[in-house]
Amino acid sequence: MAVLDRPPWKFELETPETGNPDAETSLRADAPPGDLDKFRYGGQDFHFESPISVSAKARWADRDLEVSIKISAVLSSPCSRCLEPSRIEILEDFLYLYSLRDREPSEDGSSEEDFRVVQVESWRRFTDITDQVWESFILSLPLKVLCSPGCRGLCPRCGRPLNGDECGCSGDETDPRMEKLAGLKIEDPSE
């Protein structure tokens, strides 16, 4: 199982005609998982069920290049609570601004933007968007995989999944390490 640092794919988007505000280029491509059909990220194991589909469009925004990237993929991963296989569908849009210059903070002092700025050294016929596709994909992954929002997890005693029938363990048993605390009485300081 691979721990991914950088993808083996390469995405290059043709740069629109310089100086033409109406020029727009686009890219549609699939990134086959290949050797990376399984990977580990953030302590979670993922398996590709489909290739990563990438759709990108580029157009000029003043002197900067605005690139919108749409990512879609289907993955599976064990549920964080019950360990059952869970299907994860990713469909996310991201906006990047490729610029030759450093961006100054906005005049109103807000640093929140709807896009990420990528500084480039020069304009070329093709703009490499591989890193931004990878970043968009990673940002789309869930922090915690759940088979359903109401997943009840596993029984702490027998380890059976609690989403179906009850496991049969008695809920009256207490942890022997906590028995001494059962008789503890806490006084209310407001009385």
N, C-alpha and C. Protein backbone atom coordinates (compact mmCIF):
# COMPACT_ATOMS: atom_id res chain seq x y z
N MET A 1 0.86 -1.17 0.00
CA MET A 1 0.00 0.00 0.00
C MET A 1 0.90 1.23 0.00
N ALA A 2 0.68 2.11 -0.93
CA ALA A 2 1.54 3.29 -1.10
C ALA A 2 1.05 4.44 -0.23
N VAL A 3 1.98 5.21 0.30
CA VAL A 3 1.69 6.48 0.94
C VAL A 3 2.09 7.52 -0.09
N LEU A 4 1.13 8.29 -0.56
CA LEU A 4 1.37 9.15 -1.71
C LEU A 4 1.96 10.50 -1.33
N ASP A 5 3.03 10.87 -2.03
CA ASP A 5 3.60 12.19 -1.90
C ASP A 5 3.28 13.01 -3.14
N ARG A 6 3.42 12.42 -4.29
CA ARG A 6 3.17 13.10 -5.55
C ARG A 6 2.64 12.06 -6.53
N PRO A 7 1.65 12.43 -7.32
CA PRO A 7 1.06 11.46 -8.25
C PRO A 7 1.97 11.17 -9.43
N PRO A 8 1.78 10.03 -10.09
CA PRO A 8 2.58 9.71 -11.27
C PRO A 8 2.02 10.35 -12.54
N TRP A 9 0.92 11.11 -12.42
CA TRP A 9 0.26 11.69 -13.58
C TRP A 9 0.87 13.03 -13.95
N LYS A 10 0.54 13.47 -15.16
CA LYS A 10 0.96 14.79 -15.63
C LYS A 10 -0.23 15.41 -16.36
N PHE A 11 -0.62 16.61 -15.94
CA PHE A 11 -1.70 17.35 -16.59
C PHE A 11 -1.16 18.68 -17.05
N GLU A 12 -1.29 18.93 -18.34
CA GLU A 12 -0.87 20.21 -18.91
C GLU A 12 -2.04 20.78 -19.70
N LEU A 13 -2.33 22.04 -19.41
CA LEU A 13 -3.45 22.75 -20.02
C LEU A 13 -2.88 23.80 -20.96
N GLU A 14 -3.35 23.82 -22.19
CA GLU A 14 -2.86 24.81 -23.14
C GLU A 14 -3.20 26.21 -22.64
N THR A 15 -2.22 27.10 -22.68
CA THR A 15 -2.42 28.48 -22.24
C THR A 15 -3.18 29.23 -23.33
N PRO A 16 -4.25 29.95 -22.97
CA PRO A 16 -5.00 30.69 -23.98
C PRO A 16 -4.14 31.77 -24.64
N GLU A 17 -4.59 32.23 -25.80
CA GLU A 17 -3.88 33.27 -26.54
C GLU A 17 -3.68 34.51 -25.66
N THR A 18 -2.42 34.91 -25.52
CA THR A 18 -2.09 36.06 -24.68
C THR A 18 -2.71 37.33 -25.25
N GLY A 19 -3.30 38.14 -24.38
CA GLY A 19 -3.89 39.41 -24.78
C GLY A 19 -5.31 39.30 -25.27
N ASN A 20 -5.85 38.11 -25.42
CA ASN A 20 -7.23 37.93 -25.88
C ASN A 20 -8.10 37.57 -24.67
N PRO A 21 -8.89 38.53 -24.16
CA PRO A 21 -9.69 38.26 -22.96
C PRO A 21 -10.81 37.24 -23.19
N ASP A 22 -11.15 36.97 -24.46
CA ASP A 22 -12.21 36.01 -24.76
C ASP A 22 -11.68 34.60 -25.01
N ALA A 23 -10.35 34.46 -25.10
CA ALA A 23 -9.76 33.15 -25.37
C ALA A 23 -9.92 32.23 -24.15
N GLU A 24 -10.25 30.99 -24.43
CA GLU A 24 -10.42 30.01 -23.37
C GLU A 24 -9.94 28.66 -23.88
N THR A 25 -9.25 27.92 -23.03
CA THR A 25 -8.82 26.57 -23.38
C THR A 25 -9.37 25.61 -22.34
N SER A 26 -9.47 24.35 -22.72
CA SER A 26 -9.99 23.37 -21.77
C SER A 26 -9.25 22.05 -21.92
N LEU A 27 -9.41 21.24 -20.89
CA LEU A 27 -8.76 19.93 -20.83
C LEU A 27 -9.73 18.96 -20.17
N ARG A 28 -9.86 17.79 -20.75
CA ARG A 28 -10.60 16.69 -20.13
C ARG A 28 -9.68 15.49 -20.16
N ALA A 29 -9.47 14.87 -19.01
CA ALA A 29 -8.55 13.73 -18.94
C ALA A 29 -8.92 12.85 -17.75
N ASP A 30 -8.55 11.59 -17.87
CA ASP A 30 -8.70 10.65 -16.76
C ASP A 30 -7.31 10.24 -16.31
N ALA A 31 -7.13 10.15 -15.02
CA ALA A 31 -5.87 9.69 -14.44
C ALA A 31 -6.08 8.26 -13.99
N PRO A 32 -5.62 7.28 -14.76
CA PRO A 32 -5.80 5.89 -14.32
C PRO A 32 -4.98 5.63 -13.07
N PRO A 33 -5.56 4.94 -12.09
CA PRO A 33 -4.82 4.68 -10.86
C PRO A 33 -3.52 3.92 -11.09
N GLY A 34 -3.50 2.99 -12.07
CA GLY A 34 -2.27 2.27 -12.36
C GLY A 34 -1.74 1.55 -11.13
N ASP A 35 -0.49 1.81 -10.78
CA ASP A 35 0.13 1.17 -9.63
C ASP A 35 -0.45 1.67 -8.32
N LEU A 36 -1.19 2.76 -8.37
CA LEU A 36 -1.71 3.36 -7.14
C LEU A 36 -3.19 3.07 -6.95
N ASP A 37 -3.63 1.82 -7.22
CA ASP A 37 -5.04 1.52 -7.04
C ASP A 37 -5.42 1.53 -5.57
N LYS A 38 -4.42 1.39 -4.69
CA LYS A 38 -4.65 1.51 -3.24
C LYS A 38 -3.62 2.49 -2.69
N PHE A 39 -4.03 3.30 -1.73
CA PHE A 39 -3.09 4.21 -1.09
C PHE A 39 -3.56 4.56 0.30
N ARG A 40 -2.66 5.07 1.09
CA ARG A 40 -2.94 5.47 2.47
C ARG A 40 -2.70 6.97 2.58
N TYR A 41 -3.68 7.66 3.16
CA TYR A 41 -3.53 9.10 3.38
C TYR A 41 -4.26 9.47 4.67
N GLY A 42 -3.61 10.22 5.53
CA GLY A 42 -4.22 10.65 6.78
C GLY A 42 -4.61 9.49 7.68
N GLY A 43 -3.85 8.39 7.64
CA GLY A 43 -4.15 7.23 8.48
C GLY A 43 -5.29 6.38 7.97
N GLN A 44 -5.81 6.70 6.79
CA GLN A 44 -6.96 5.98 6.23
C GLN A 44 -6.53 5.29 4.93
N ASP A 45 -6.98 4.05 4.73
CA ASP A 45 -6.69 3.31 3.49
C ASP A 45 -7.79 3.60 2.48
N PHE A 46 -7.40 3.91 1.24
CA PHE A 46 -8.34 4.18 0.16
C PHE A 46 -8.05 3.26 -1.02
N HIS A 47 -9.10 2.92 -1.76
CA HIS A 47 -8.99 2.09 -2.95
C HIS A 47 -9.78 2.78 -4.07
N PHE A 48 -9.14 2.97 -5.23
CA PHE A 48 -9.83 3.59 -6.36
C PHE A 48 -10.84 2.62 -6.95
N GLU A 49 -12.07 3.06 -7.10
CA GLU A 49 -13.12 2.30 -7.79
C GLU A 49 -13.25 2.80 -9.22
N SER A 50 -12.75 4.00 -9.50
CA SER A 50 -12.79 4.57 -10.85
C SER A 50 -11.57 5.47 -11.01
N PRO A 51 -11.23 5.80 -12.25
CA PRO A 51 -10.12 6.75 -12.43
C PRO A 51 -10.53 8.14 -11.94
N ILE A 52 -9.56 8.98 -11.68
CA ILE A 52 -9.83 10.37 -11.34
C ILE A 52 -10.10 11.09 -12.65
N SER A 53 -11.28 11.69 -12.78
CA SER A 53 -11.61 12.47 -13.97
C SER A 53 -11.33 13.94 -13.68
N VAL A 54 -10.63 14.56 -14.61
CA VAL A 54 -10.24 15.96 -14.45
C VAL A 54 -10.80 16.75 -15.62
N SER A 55 -11.44 17.85 -15.28
CA SER A 55 -11.92 18.79 -16.29
C SER A 55 -11.39 20.16 -15.87
N ALA A 56 -10.69 20.84 -16.78
CA ALA A 56 -10.10 22.13 -16.45
C ALA A 56 -10.36 23.13 -17.56
N LYS A 57 -10.54 24.40 -17.18
CA LYS A 57 -10.71 25.49 -18.13
C LYS A 57 -9.80 26.63 -17.72
N ALA A 58 -9.22 27.29 -18.73
CA ALA A 58 -8.33 28.42 -18.46
C ALA A 58 -8.79 29.63 -19.27
N ARG A 59 -8.74 30.79 -18.63
CA ARG A 59 -9.03 32.06 -19.31
C ARG A 59 -8.28 33.16 -18.60
N TRP A 60 -8.08 34.27 -19.30
CA TRP A 60 -7.33 35.38 -18.71
C TRP A 60 -8.23 36.20 -17.80
N ALA A 61 -7.67 36.62 -16.69
CA ALA A 61 -8.31 37.54 -15.75
C ALA A 61 -7.30 38.67 -15.54
N ASP A 62 -7.42 39.72 -16.32
CA ASP A 62 -6.41 40.79 -16.39
C ASP A 62 -5.09 40.18 -16.86
N ARG A 63 -4.06 40.30 -16.05
CA ARG A 63 -2.75 39.76 -16.43
C ARG A 63 -2.50 38.37 -15.85
N ASP A 64 -3.47 37.82 -15.17
CA ASP A 64 -3.33 36.51 -14.55
C ASP A 64 -4.16 35.48 -15.30
N LEU A 65 -3.82 34.22 -15.12
CA LEU A 65 -4.52 33.13 -15.76
C LEU A 65 -5.40 32.44 -14.72
N GLU A 66 -6.71 32.46 -14.96
CA GLU A 66 -7.68 31.83 -14.06
C GLU A 66 -7.95 30.41 -14.56
N VAL A 67 -7.74 29.43 -13.70
CA VAL A 67 -7.94 28.02 -14.07
C VAL A 67 -8.93 27.39 -13.10
N SER A 68 -10.02 26.89 -13.64
CA SER A 68 -10.98 26.15 -12.81
C SER A 68 -10.75 24.66 -13.05
N ILE A 69 -10.71 23.91 -11.96
CA ILE A 69 -10.44 22.48 -12.02
C ILE A 69 -11.60 21.75 -11.35
N LYS A 70 -12.14 20.77 -12.06
CA LYS A 70 -13.22 19.94 -11.52
C LYS A 70 -12.68 18.51 -11.42
N ILE A 71 -12.80 17.93 -10.23
CA ILE A 71 -12.30 16.59 -9.94
C ILE A 71 -13.49 15.68 -9.65
N SER A 72 -13.48 14.48 -10.23
CA SER A 72 -14.49 13.49 -9.85
C SER A 72 -13.82 12.11 -9.80
N ALA A 73 -14.23 11.34 -8.81
CA ALA A 73 -13.67 9.99 -8.62
C ALA A 73 -14.57 9.22 -7.67
N VAL A 74 -14.45 7.90 -7.72
CA VAL A 74 -15.15 7.04 -6.77
C VAL A 74 -14.09 6.19 -6.08
N LEU A 75 -14.12 6.21 -4.75
CA LEU A 75 -13.18 5.47 -3.92
C LEU A 75 -13.93 4.61 -2.94
N SER A 76 -13.24 3.68 -2.33
CA SER A 76 -13.82 2.95 -1.20
C SER A 76 -12.78 2.94 -0.09
N SER A 77 -13.30 2.88 1.13
CA SER A 77 -12.44 2.89 2.31
C SER A 77 -13.23 2.28 3.47
N PRO A 78 -12.55 1.66 4.43
CA PRO A 78 -13.28 1.13 5.58
C PRO A 78 -13.87 2.26 6.44
N CYS A 79 -15.08 2.04 6.92
CA CYS A 79 -15.72 3.00 7.82
C CYS A 79 -14.86 3.15 9.07
N SER A 80 -14.71 4.37 9.54
CA SER A 80 -13.89 4.63 10.73
C SER A 80 -14.50 4.07 12.01
N ARG A 81 -15.80 3.79 12.01
CA ARG A 81 -16.46 3.28 13.21
C ARG A 81 -16.69 1.77 13.18
N CYS A 82 -17.19 1.25 12.05
CA CYS A 82 -17.57 -0.18 12.02
C CYS A 82 -16.69 -1.02 11.09
N LEU A 83 -15.79 -0.40 10.36
CA LEU A 83 -14.84 -1.05 9.46
C LEU A 83 -15.48 -1.68 8.22
N GLU A 84 -16.77 -1.45 7.99
CA GLU A 84 -17.42 -1.95 6.77
C GLU A 84 -16.96 -1.10 5.59
N PRO A 85 -16.87 -1.70 4.38
CA PRO A 85 -16.46 -0.91 3.20
C PRO A 85 -17.45 0.22 2.95
N SER A 86 -16.92 1.40 2.65
CA SER A 86 -17.74 2.58 2.41
C SER A 86 -17.39 3.17 1.06
N ARG A 87 -18.39 3.56 0.32
CA ARG A 87 -18.20 4.17 -1.00
C ARG A 87 -18.10 5.69 -0.83
N ILE A 88 -17.09 6.28 -1.46
CA ILE A 88 -16.87 7.72 -1.37
C ILE A 88 -16.90 8.28 -2.79
N GLU A 89 -17.83 9.19 -3.04
CA GLU A 89 -17.91 9.86 -4.33
C GLU A 89 -17.37 11.27 -4.19
N ILE A 90 -16.41 11.61 -5.03
CA ILE A 90 -15.81 12.93 -5.00
C ILE A 90 -16.26 13.69 -6.24
N LEU A 91 -16.77 14.88 -6.05
CA LEU A 91 -17.13 15.78 -7.14
C LEU A 91 -16.93 17.19 -6.60
N GLU A 92 -15.79 17.78 -6.88
CA GLU A 92 -15.43 19.08 -6.31
C GLU A 92 -14.89 20.02 -7.39
N ASP A 93 -15.10 21.32 -7.19
CA ASP A 93 -14.58 22.36 -8.07
C ASP A 93 -13.59 23.22 -7.30
N PHE A 94 -12.49 23.59 -7.96
CA PHE A 94 -11.48 24.45 -7.36
C PHE A 94 -11.09 25.52 -8.36
N LEU A 95 -10.69 26.68 -7.86
CA LEU A 95 -10.28 27.79 -8.71
C LEU A 95 -8.87 28.21 -8.32
N TYR A 96 -8.00 28.30 -9.32
CA TYR A 96 -6.61 28.72 -9.13
C TYR A 96 -6.33 29.93 -10.00
N LEU A 97 -5.46 30.80 -9.52
CA LEU A 97 -5.04 31.98 -10.27
C LEU A 97 -3.53 31.87 -10.45
N TYR A 98 -3.10 31.67 -11.68
CA TYR A 98 -1.68 31.60 -12.00
C TYR A 98 -1.22 33.01 -12.30
N SER A 99 -0.15 33.44 -11.64
CA SER A 99 0.29 34.82 -11.74
C SER A 99 1.81 34.91 -11.84
N LEU A 100 2.28 35.92 -12.59
CA LEU A 100 3.72 36.17 -12.69
C LEU A 100 4.24 36.97 -11.50
N ARG A 101 3.36 37.54 -10.73
CA ARG A 101 3.75 38.43 -9.64
C ARG A 101 3.22 37.93 -8.31
N ASP A 102 3.86 38.41 -7.25
CA ASP A 102 3.34 38.12 -5.91
C ASP A 102 2.04 38.87 -5.73
N ARG A 103 1.08 38.25 -5.09
CA ARG A 103 -0.22 38.90 -4.85
C ARG A 103 -0.15 39.66 -3.54
N GLU A 104 -0.60 40.89 -3.59
CA GLU A 104 -0.68 41.73 -2.39
C GLU A 104 -1.97 41.40 -1.64
N PRO A 105 -1.98 41.54 -0.30
CA PRO A 105 -3.24 41.36 0.42
C PRO A 105 -4.25 42.41 -0.05
N SER A 106 -5.52 42.05 -0.01
CA SER A 106 -6.55 42.98 -0.48
C SER A 106 -6.58 44.22 0.41
N GLU A 107 -7.09 45.32 -0.16
CA GLU A 107 -7.09 46.61 0.54
C GLU A 107 -7.96 46.61 1.79
N ASP A 108 -9.01 45.80 1.79
CA ASP A 108 -9.88 45.78 2.97
C ASP A 108 -9.33 44.89 4.08
N GLY A 109 -8.16 44.29 3.85
CA GLY A 109 -7.51 43.50 4.89
C GLY A 109 -7.96 42.07 4.96
N SER A 110 -8.95 41.69 4.15
CA SER A 110 -9.41 40.31 4.21
C SER A 110 -8.46 39.41 3.44
N SER A 111 -8.18 38.26 3.99
CA SER A 111 -7.28 37.32 3.32
C SER A 111 -8.06 36.16 2.71
N GLU A 112 -9.37 36.14 2.95
CA GLU A 112 -10.21 35.07 2.39
C GLU A 112 -10.42 35.32 0.91
N GLU A 113 -10.08 34.36 0.11
CA GLU A 113 -10.28 34.43 -1.33
C GLU A 113 -11.00 33.17 -1.77
N ASP A 114 -11.62 33.24 -2.95
CA ASP A 114 -12.29 32.07 -3.51
C ASP A 114 -11.33 31.25 -4.37
N PHE A 115 -10.07 31.62 -4.40
CA PHE A 115 -9.11 30.94 -5.24
C PHE A 115 -7.77 30.87 -4.54
N ARG A 116 -6.91 30.02 -5.06
CA ARG A 116 -5.54 29.89 -4.58
C ARG A 116 -4.63 30.47 -5.65
N VAL A 117 -3.60 31.17 -5.24
CA VAL A 117 -2.67 31.80 -6.18
C VAL A 117 -1.45 30.90 -6.36
N VAL A 118 -1.08 30.69 -7.63
CA VAL A 118 0.10 29.90 -7.98
C VAL A 118 1.01 30.83 -8.76
N GLN A 119 2.19 31.08 -8.22
CA GLN A 119 3.12 31.97 -8.90
C GLN A 119 3.92 31.18 -9.93
N VAL A 120 4.01 31.72 -11.14
CA VAL A 120 4.77 31.10 -12.22
C VAL A 120 5.86 32.06 -12.67
N GLU A 121 6.93 31.51 -13.25
CA GLU A 121 8.06 32.34 -13.68
C GLU A 121 7.80 33.00 -15.03
N SER A 122 7.13 32.29 -15.93
CA SER A 122 6.85 32.84 -17.26
C SER A 122 5.68 32.10 -17.87
N TRP A 123 5.07 32.70 -18.88
CA TRP A 123 3.98 32.05 -19.58
C TRP A 123 4.57 31.16 -20.66
N ARG A 124 4.07 29.96 -20.73
CA ARG A 124 4.51 29.00 -21.74
C ARG A 124 3.30 28.52 -22.51
N ARG A 125 3.54 27.77 -23.56
CA ARG A 125 2.43 27.30 -24.39
C ARG A 125 1.48 26.42 -23.58
N PHE A 126 2.04 25.60 -22.67
CA PHE A 126 1.23 24.74 -21.82
C PHE A 126 1.53 25.06 -20.36
N THR A 127 0.49 25.07 -19.54
CA THR A 127 0.63 25.31 -18.10
C THR A 127 0.47 23.98 -17.37
N ASP A 128 1.46 23.62 -16.57
CA ASP A 128 1.42 22.37 -15.81
C ASP A 128 0.51 22.56 -14.60
N ILE A 129 -0.60 21.82 -14.55
CA ILE A 129 -1.55 21.92 -13.44
C ILE A 129 -1.56 20.66 -12.59
N THR A 130 -0.55 19.81 -12.75
CA THR A 130 -0.51 18.52 -12.05
C THR A 130 -0.58 18.70 -10.53
N ASP A 131 0.23 19.61 -9.99
CA ASP A 131 0.24 19.81 -8.53
C ASP A 131 -1.11 20.30 -8.03
N GLN A 132 -1.78 21.15 -8.80
CA GLN A 132 -3.07 21.68 -8.38
C GLN A 132 -4.16 20.61 -8.48
N VAL A 133 -4.06 19.72 -9.48
CA VAL A 133 -5.01 18.61 -9.56
C VAL A 133 -4.84 17.71 -8.34
N TRP A 134 -3.60 17.40 -7.99
CA TRP A 134 -3.32 16.55 -6.82
C TRP A 134 -3.81 17.22 -5.54
N GLU A 135 -3.51 18.51 -5.39
CA GLU A 135 -3.96 19.24 -4.21
C GLU A 135 -5.48 19.23 -4.12
N SER A 136 -6.16 19.45 -5.23
CA SER A 136 -7.63 19.44 -5.25
C SER A 136 -8.16 18.07 -4.85
N PHE A 137 -7.53 17.02 -5.35
CA PHE A 137 -7.95 15.66 -5.01
C PHE A 137 -7.80 15.40 -3.51
N ILE A 138 -6.63 15.73 -2.95
CA ILE A 138 -6.37 15.50 -1.53
C ILE A 138 -7.34 16.31 -0.66
N LEU A 139 -7.60 17.56 -1.04
CA LEU A 139 -8.53 18.39 -0.28
C LEU A 139 -9.96 17.87 -0.34
N SER A 140 -10.27 17.04 -1.34
CA SER A 140 -11.61 16.48 -1.49
C SER A 140 -11.83 15.23 -0.64
N LEU A 141 -10.76 14.62 -0.16
CA LEU A 141 -10.90 13.41 0.64
C LEU A 141 -11.54 13.72 1.99
N PRO A 142 -12.42 12.86 2.48
CA PRO A 142 -13.04 13.10 3.78
C PRO A 142 -12.02 12.94 4.92
N LEU A 143 -12.17 13.74 5.96
CA LEU A 143 -11.29 13.62 7.13
C LEU A 143 -11.59 12.34 7.89
N LYS A 144 -12.86 11.94 7.87
CA LYS A 144 -13.27 10.72 8.56
C LYS A 144 -14.28 10.00 7.67
N VAL A 145 -14.01 8.76 7.35
CA VAL A 145 -14.90 7.98 6.49
C VAL A 145 -15.95 7.30 7.35
N LEU A 146 -17.23 7.51 6.99
CA LEU A 146 -18.34 6.86 7.68
C LEU A 146 -19.24 6.19 6.66
N CYS A 147 -19.71 4.98 6.97
CA CYS A 147 -20.62 4.28 6.06
C CYS A 147 -21.97 4.98 6.03
N SER A 148 -22.36 5.60 7.15
CA SER A 148 -23.57 6.41 7.24
C SER A 148 -23.40 7.36 8.43
N PRO A 149 -24.09 8.50 8.42
CA PRO A 149 -23.94 9.44 9.54
C PRO A 149 -24.33 8.85 10.89
N GLY A 150 -25.24 7.89 10.87
CA GLY A 150 -25.70 7.28 12.13
C GLY A 150 -25.01 5.98 12.47
N CYS A 151 -23.85 5.71 11.90
CA CYS A 151 -23.15 4.45 12.17
C CYS A 151 -22.90 4.31 13.67
N ARG A 152 -23.24 3.15 14.21
CA ARG A 152 -23.10 2.91 15.65
C ARG A 152 -21.78 2.26 16.02
N GLY A 153 -20.97 1.88 15.02
CA GLY A 153 -19.65 1.34 15.29
C GLY A 153 -19.67 -0.13 15.70
N LEU A 154 -18.68 -0.50 16.50
CA LEU A 154 -18.51 -1.87 16.95
C LEU A 154 -18.79 -1.97 18.45
N CYS A 155 -19.25 -3.13 18.89
CA CYS A 155 -19.46 -3.38 20.31
C CYS A 155 -18.09 -3.36 21.00
N PRO A 156 -17.93 -2.60 22.07
CA PRO A 156 -16.64 -2.55 22.75
C PRO A 156 -16.27 -3.86 23.45
N ARG A 157 -17.25 -4.76 23.64
CA ARG A 157 -16.96 -6.02 24.32
C ARG A 157 -16.65 -7.15 23.35
N CYS A 158 -17.56 -7.36 22.36
CA CYS A 158 -17.38 -8.52 21.48
C CYS A 158 -16.86 -8.14 20.09
N GLY A 159 -16.92 -6.86 19.74
CA GLY A 159 -16.39 -6.42 18.46
C GLY A 159 -17.32 -6.60 17.28
N ARG A 160 -18.57 -6.96 17.52
CA ARG A 160 -19.53 -7.11 16.42
C ARG A 160 -20.06 -5.74 16.00
N PRO A 161 -20.40 -5.59 14.70
CA PRO A 161 -21.00 -4.32 14.25
C PRO A 161 -22.36 -4.11 14.91
N LEU A 162 -22.64 -2.88 15.31
CA LEU A 162 -23.89 -2.55 16.00
C LEU A 162 -24.95 -1.96 15.07
N ASN A 163 -24.68 -1.86 13.77
CA ASN A 163 -25.64 -1.26 12.85
C ASN A 163 -26.82 -2.16 12.56
N GLY A 164 -26.65 -3.46 12.63
CA GLY A 164 -27.75 -4.40 12.37
C GLY A 164 -28.42 -4.78 13.67
N ASP A 165 -28.46 -6.08 13.93
CA ASP A 165 -29.04 -6.59 15.18
C ASP A 165 -28.10 -6.30 16.34
N GLU A 166 -28.66 -6.33 17.53
CA GLU A 166 -27.85 -6.17 18.73
C GLU A 166 -26.90 -7.35 18.85
N CYS A 167 -25.78 -7.14 19.48
CA CYS A 167 -24.77 -8.20 19.57
C CYS A 167 -25.08 -9.22 20.65
N GLY A 168 -25.89 -8.87 21.62
CA GLY A 168 -26.24 -9.81 22.68
C GLY A 168 -25.47 -9.56 23.97
N CYS A 169 -24.52 -8.67 23.96
CA CYS A 169 -23.78 -8.36 25.20
C CYS A 169 -24.68 -7.57 26.14
N SER A 170 -24.52 -7.81 27.40
CA SER A 170 -25.31 -7.09 28.41
C SER A 170 -24.72 -5.69 28.59
N GLY A 171 -25.58 -4.71 28.59
CA GLY A 171 -25.13 -3.33 28.76
C GLY A 171 -24.96 -2.96 30.22
N ASP A 172 -25.26 -3.91 31.15
CA ASP A 172 -25.18 -3.61 32.58
C ASP A 172 -23.78 -3.76 33.14
N GLU A 173 -22.92 -4.43 32.43
CA GLU A 173 -21.57 -4.66 32.94
C GLU A 173 -20.80 -3.35 32.97
N THR A 174 -20.03 -3.18 34.02
CA THR A 174 -19.19 -1.98 34.11
C THR A 174 -17.73 -2.38 33.95
N ASP A 175 -16.97 -1.45 33.53
CA ASP A 175 -15.54 -1.66 33.37
C ASP A 175 -14.95 -1.85 34.77
N PRO A 176 -14.23 -2.95 35.03
CA PRO A 176 -13.69 -3.19 36.37
C PRO A 176 -12.75 -2.08 36.83
N ARG A 177 -12.16 -1.37 35.91
CA ARG A 177 -11.25 -0.28 36.30
C ARG A 177 -12.02 0.91 36.86
N MET A 178 -13.32 0.96 36.60
CA MET A 178 -14.14 2.08 37.05
C MET A 178 -14.97 1.77 38.29
N GLU A 179 -14.90 0.55 38.81
CA GLU A 179 -15.73 0.15 39.95
C GLU A 179 -15.52 1.03 41.17
N LYS A 180 -14.28 1.45 41.43
CA LYS A 180 -14.02 2.29 42.60
C LYS A 180 -14.67 3.66 42.48
N LEU A 181 -14.90 4.12 41.26
CA LEU A 181 -15.52 5.42 41.05
C LEU A 181 -17.04 5.36 41.16
N ALA A 182 -17.62 4.16 41.08
CA ALA A 182 -19.07 4.02 41.12
C ALA A 182 -19.66 4.53 42.44
N GLY A 183 -18.99 4.34 43.54
CA GLY A 183 -19.50 4.77 44.84
C GLY A 183 -19.11 6.19 45.20
N LEU A 184 -18.40 6.88 44.37
CA LEU A 184 -17.93 8.24 44.64
C LEU A 184 -19.09 9.22 44.56
N LYS A 185 -19.22 10.06 45.58
CA LYS A 185 -20.25 11.08 45.60
C LYS A 185 -19.59 12.45 45.50
N ILE A 186 -20.04 13.23 44.57
CA ILE A 186 -19.47 14.56 44.35
C ILE A 186 -20.44 15.58 44.93
N GLU A 187 -19.91 16.43 45.80
CA GLU A 187 -20.75 17.46 46.42
C GLU A 187 -20.85 18.65 45.49
N ASP A 188 -22.05 19.23 45.48
CA ASP A 188 -22.28 20.40 44.65
C ASP A 188 -21.83 21.63 45.44
N PRO A 189 -20.87 22.43 44.93
CA PRO A 189 -20.35 23.59 45.70
C PRO A 189 -21.38 24.70 45.83
N SER A 190 -22.45 24.69 45.03
CA SER A 190 -23.43 25.76 45.10
C SER A 190 -24.40 25.55 46.25
N GLU A 191 -24.40 24.36 46.88
CA GLU A 191 -25.34 24.11 47.99
C GLU A 191 -24.83 24.62 49.29
